[in-house]
Amino acid sequence: MKTLEVSKCPVCDELVEITNVRAGLEVECPDCGEVLRVVSIQPLKLYYAFDPDEEPLPEEEHRLPESG
């Protein structure tokens, strides 16, 4: 039996319906087309699904640009 869950797209705030939710599942927002990843099941939360080649390393995410 398929279960249907709903969450908001972090890009456009439209509702995204997801069947058979599991962590790491990637879905596409039907409104804006952004590819999203399920990052939390309880509560259901979606976030951008970065390309692994483009995803910043954790130590680079919060680094401020150096001023010249």
N, C-alpha and C. Protein backbone atom coordinates (compact mmCIF):
# COMPACT_ATOMS: atom_id res chain seq x y z
N MET A 1 0.84 -1.19 0.00
CA MET A 1 0.00 0.00 0.00
C MET A 1 0.88 1.24 0.00
N LYS A 2 0.61 2.14 -0.93
CA LYS A 2 1.38 3.38 -1.02
C LYS A 2 0.82 4.39 -0.04
N THR A 3 1.73 5.08 0.65
CA THR A 3 1.32 6.16 1.54
C THR A 3 1.65 7.48 0.87
N LEU A 4 0.81 8.46 1.04
CA LEU A 4 0.99 9.77 0.44
C LEU A 4 1.27 10.79 1.54
N GLU A 5 2.36 11.50 1.41
CA GLU A 5 2.73 12.56 2.35
C GLU A 5 2.83 13.87 1.56
N VAL A 6 2.71 14.99 2.26
CA VAL A 6 2.76 16.30 1.62
C VAL A 6 3.70 17.20 2.40
N SER A 7 4.52 17.96 1.67
CA SER A 7 5.42 18.94 2.28
C SER A 7 5.50 20.14 1.36
N LYS A 8 6.02 21.25 1.88
CA LYS A 8 6.17 22.46 1.07
C LYS A 8 7.53 22.49 0.41
N CYS A 9 7.56 22.98 -0.81
CA CYS A 9 8.80 23.19 -1.54
C CYS A 9 9.53 24.36 -0.90
N PRO A 10 10.83 24.22 -0.57
CA PRO A 10 11.57 25.33 0.04
C PRO A 10 11.86 26.47 -0.94
N VAL A 11 11.63 26.24 -2.22
CA VAL A 11 11.90 27.26 -3.23
C VAL A 11 10.67 28.13 -3.47
N CYS A 12 9.53 27.48 -3.77
CA CYS A 12 8.34 28.24 -4.17
C CYS A 12 7.16 28.13 -3.20
N ASP A 13 7.31 27.35 -2.12
CA ASP A 13 6.27 27.15 -1.09
C ASP A 13 5.02 26.42 -1.58
N GLU A 14 5.08 25.80 -2.76
CA GLU A 14 3.95 24.99 -3.23
C GLU A 14 4.01 23.62 -2.57
N LEU A 15 2.87 22.96 -2.49
CA LEU A 15 2.81 21.64 -1.89
C LEU A 15 3.38 20.60 -2.85
N VAL A 16 4.16 19.68 -2.29
CA VAL A 16 4.75 18.59 -3.06
C VAL A 16 4.23 17.29 -2.45
N GLU A 17 3.58 16.45 -3.27
CA GLU A 17 3.07 15.17 -2.81
C GLU A 17 4.13 14.11 -3.03
N ILE A 18 4.36 13.27 -2.02
CA ILE A 18 5.39 12.25 -2.09
C ILE A 18 4.79 10.92 -1.66
N THR A 19 5.00 9.89 -2.47
CA THR A 19 4.55 8.55 -2.08
C THR A 19 5.74 7.74 -1.60
N ASN A 20 5.48 6.87 -0.64
CA ASN A 20 6.52 5.99 -0.07
C ASN A 20 7.75 6.77 0.37
N VAL A 21 7.55 7.71 1.28
CA VAL A 21 8.61 8.59 1.77
C VAL A 21 9.71 7.80 2.46
N ARG A 22 10.95 8.16 2.14
CA ARG A 22 12.12 7.62 2.84
C ARG A 22 13.21 8.67 2.78
N ALA A 23 14.07 8.68 3.77
CA ALA A 23 15.17 9.65 3.80
C ALA A 23 16.05 9.46 2.58
N GLY A 24 16.42 10.58 1.95
CA GLY A 24 17.29 10.55 0.78
C GLY A 24 16.53 10.49 -0.54
N LEU A 25 15.23 10.25 -0.49
CA LEU A 25 14.43 10.20 -1.71
C LEU A 25 14.46 11.55 -2.40
N GLU A 26 14.65 11.54 -3.71
CA GLU A 26 14.64 12.79 -4.48
C GLU A 26 13.35 12.88 -5.28
N VAL A 27 12.72 14.06 -5.22
CA VAL A 27 11.48 14.32 -5.94
C VAL A 27 11.60 15.67 -6.63
N GLU A 28 10.74 15.88 -7.62
CA GLU A 28 10.74 17.15 -8.33
C GLU A 28 9.48 17.93 -7.97
N CYS A 29 9.65 19.22 -7.69
CA CYS A 29 8.50 20.08 -7.40
C CYS A 29 7.69 20.22 -8.68
N PRO A 30 6.38 19.93 -8.63
CA PRO A 30 5.57 20.04 -9.85
C PRO A 30 5.37 21.48 -10.32
N ASP A 31 5.61 22.44 -9.44
CA ASP A 31 5.38 23.84 -9.81
C ASP A 31 6.63 24.51 -10.37
N CYS A 32 7.75 24.46 -9.62
CA CYS A 32 8.96 25.17 -10.07
C CYS A 32 9.99 24.26 -10.72
N GLY A 33 9.83 22.94 -10.58
CA GLY A 33 10.74 22.00 -11.22
C GLY A 33 12.03 21.73 -10.46
N GLU A 34 12.21 22.33 -9.28
CA GLU A 34 13.42 22.11 -8.49
C GLU A 34 13.47 20.66 -8.01
N VAL A 35 14.65 20.05 -8.09
CA VAL A 35 14.83 18.70 -7.56
C VAL A 35 15.12 18.82 -6.07
N LEU A 36 14.33 18.10 -5.27
CA LEU A 36 14.40 18.19 -3.82
C LEU A 36 14.71 16.83 -3.22
N ARG A 37 15.31 16.84 -2.04
CA ARG A 37 15.64 15.61 -1.32
C ARG A 37 14.93 15.60 0.02
N VAL A 38 14.40 14.44 0.41
CA VAL A 38 13.79 14.28 1.73
C VAL A 38 14.93 14.21 2.74
N VAL A 39 15.00 15.19 3.63
CA VAL A 39 16.07 15.24 4.63
C VAL A 39 15.58 14.87 6.02
N SER A 40 14.26 14.85 6.20
CA SER A 40 13.68 14.47 7.48
C SER A 40 12.31 13.86 7.22
N ILE A 41 12.00 12.81 7.98
CA ILE A 41 10.71 12.15 7.81
C ILE A 41 9.72 12.61 8.88
N GLN A 42 10.18 12.78 10.11
CA GLN A 42 9.33 13.24 11.21
C GLN A 42 9.92 14.49 11.82
N PRO A 43 9.52 15.67 11.47
CA PRO A 43 8.51 16.01 10.48
C PRO A 43 9.09 15.91 9.07
N LEU A 44 8.22 15.75 8.10
CA LEU A 44 8.65 15.65 6.70
C LEU A 44 9.23 16.98 6.26
N LYS A 45 10.48 16.96 5.79
CA LYS A 45 11.15 18.18 5.38
C LYS A 45 11.93 17.93 4.09
N LEU A 46 11.80 18.86 3.16
CA LEU A 46 12.51 18.79 1.89
C LEU A 46 13.58 19.87 1.83
N TYR A 47 14.66 19.58 1.09
CA TYR A 47 15.72 20.56 0.88
C TYR A 47 16.28 20.35 -0.51
N TYR A 48 17.02 21.32 -1.01
CA TYR A 48 17.60 21.22 -2.34
C TYR A 48 18.43 19.96 -2.47
N ALA A 49 18.30 19.26 -3.59
CA ALA A 49 19.12 18.08 -3.87
C ALA A 49 20.29 18.52 -4.73
N PHE A 50 21.40 18.86 -4.08
CA PHE A 50 22.57 19.34 -4.80
C PHE A 50 23.24 18.22 -5.57
N ASP A 51 23.85 18.55 -6.68
CA ASP A 51 24.70 17.64 -7.40
C ASP A 51 25.93 17.41 -6.52
N PRO A 52 26.33 16.16 -6.28
CA PRO A 52 27.47 15.92 -5.39
C PRO A 52 28.74 16.66 -5.82
N ASP A 53 28.89 16.93 -7.11
CA ASP A 53 30.06 17.66 -7.58
C ASP A 53 29.97 19.15 -7.26
N GLU A 54 28.76 19.65 -7.01
CA GLU A 54 28.57 21.07 -6.75
C GLU A 54 28.28 21.37 -5.28
N GLU A 55 27.98 20.35 -4.50
CA GLU A 55 27.63 20.55 -3.09
C GLU A 55 28.85 21.03 -2.32
N PRO A 56 28.72 22.12 -1.56
CA PRO A 56 29.86 22.63 -0.81
C PRO A 56 30.24 21.68 0.32
N LEU A 57 31.51 21.59 0.61
CA LEU A 57 31.98 20.81 1.74
C LEU A 57 31.55 21.50 3.02
N PRO A 58 31.29 20.75 4.10
CA PRO A 58 30.81 21.38 5.35
C PRO A 58 31.69 22.51 5.84
N GLU A 59 33.00 22.38 5.70
CA GLU A 59 33.88 23.45 6.18
C GLU A 59 33.83 24.69 5.28
N GLU A 60 33.31 24.54 4.06
CA GLU A 60 33.23 25.68 3.14
C GLU A 60 31.88 26.39 3.20
N GLU A 61 30.87 25.75 3.75
CA GLU A 61 29.53 26.32 3.76
C GLU A 61 29.45 27.63 4.52
N HIS A 62 30.14 27.73 5.63
CA HIS A 62 30.00 28.90 6.50
C HIS A 62 31.21 29.82 6.44
N ARG A 63 32.11 29.56 5.51
CA ARG A 63 33.30 30.38 5.40
C ARG A 63 32.95 31.71 4.73
N LEU A 64 33.38 32.79 5.32
CA LEU A 64 33.15 34.12 4.73
C LEU A 64 34.18 34.39 3.66
N PRO A 65 33.80 35.08 2.60
CA PRO A 65 34.77 35.40 1.56
C PRO A 65 35.86 36.32 2.14
N GLU A 66 37.07 36.09 1.70
CA GLU A 66 38.18 36.92 2.16
C GLU A 66 38.14 38.26 1.45
N SER A 67 38.33 39.33 2.22
CA SER A 67 38.34 40.66 1.60
C SER A 67 39.76 40.97 1.16
N GLY A 68 39.88 41.60 -0.03
CA GLY A 68 41.18 41.80 -0.63
C GLY A 68 41.78 43.08 -0.27
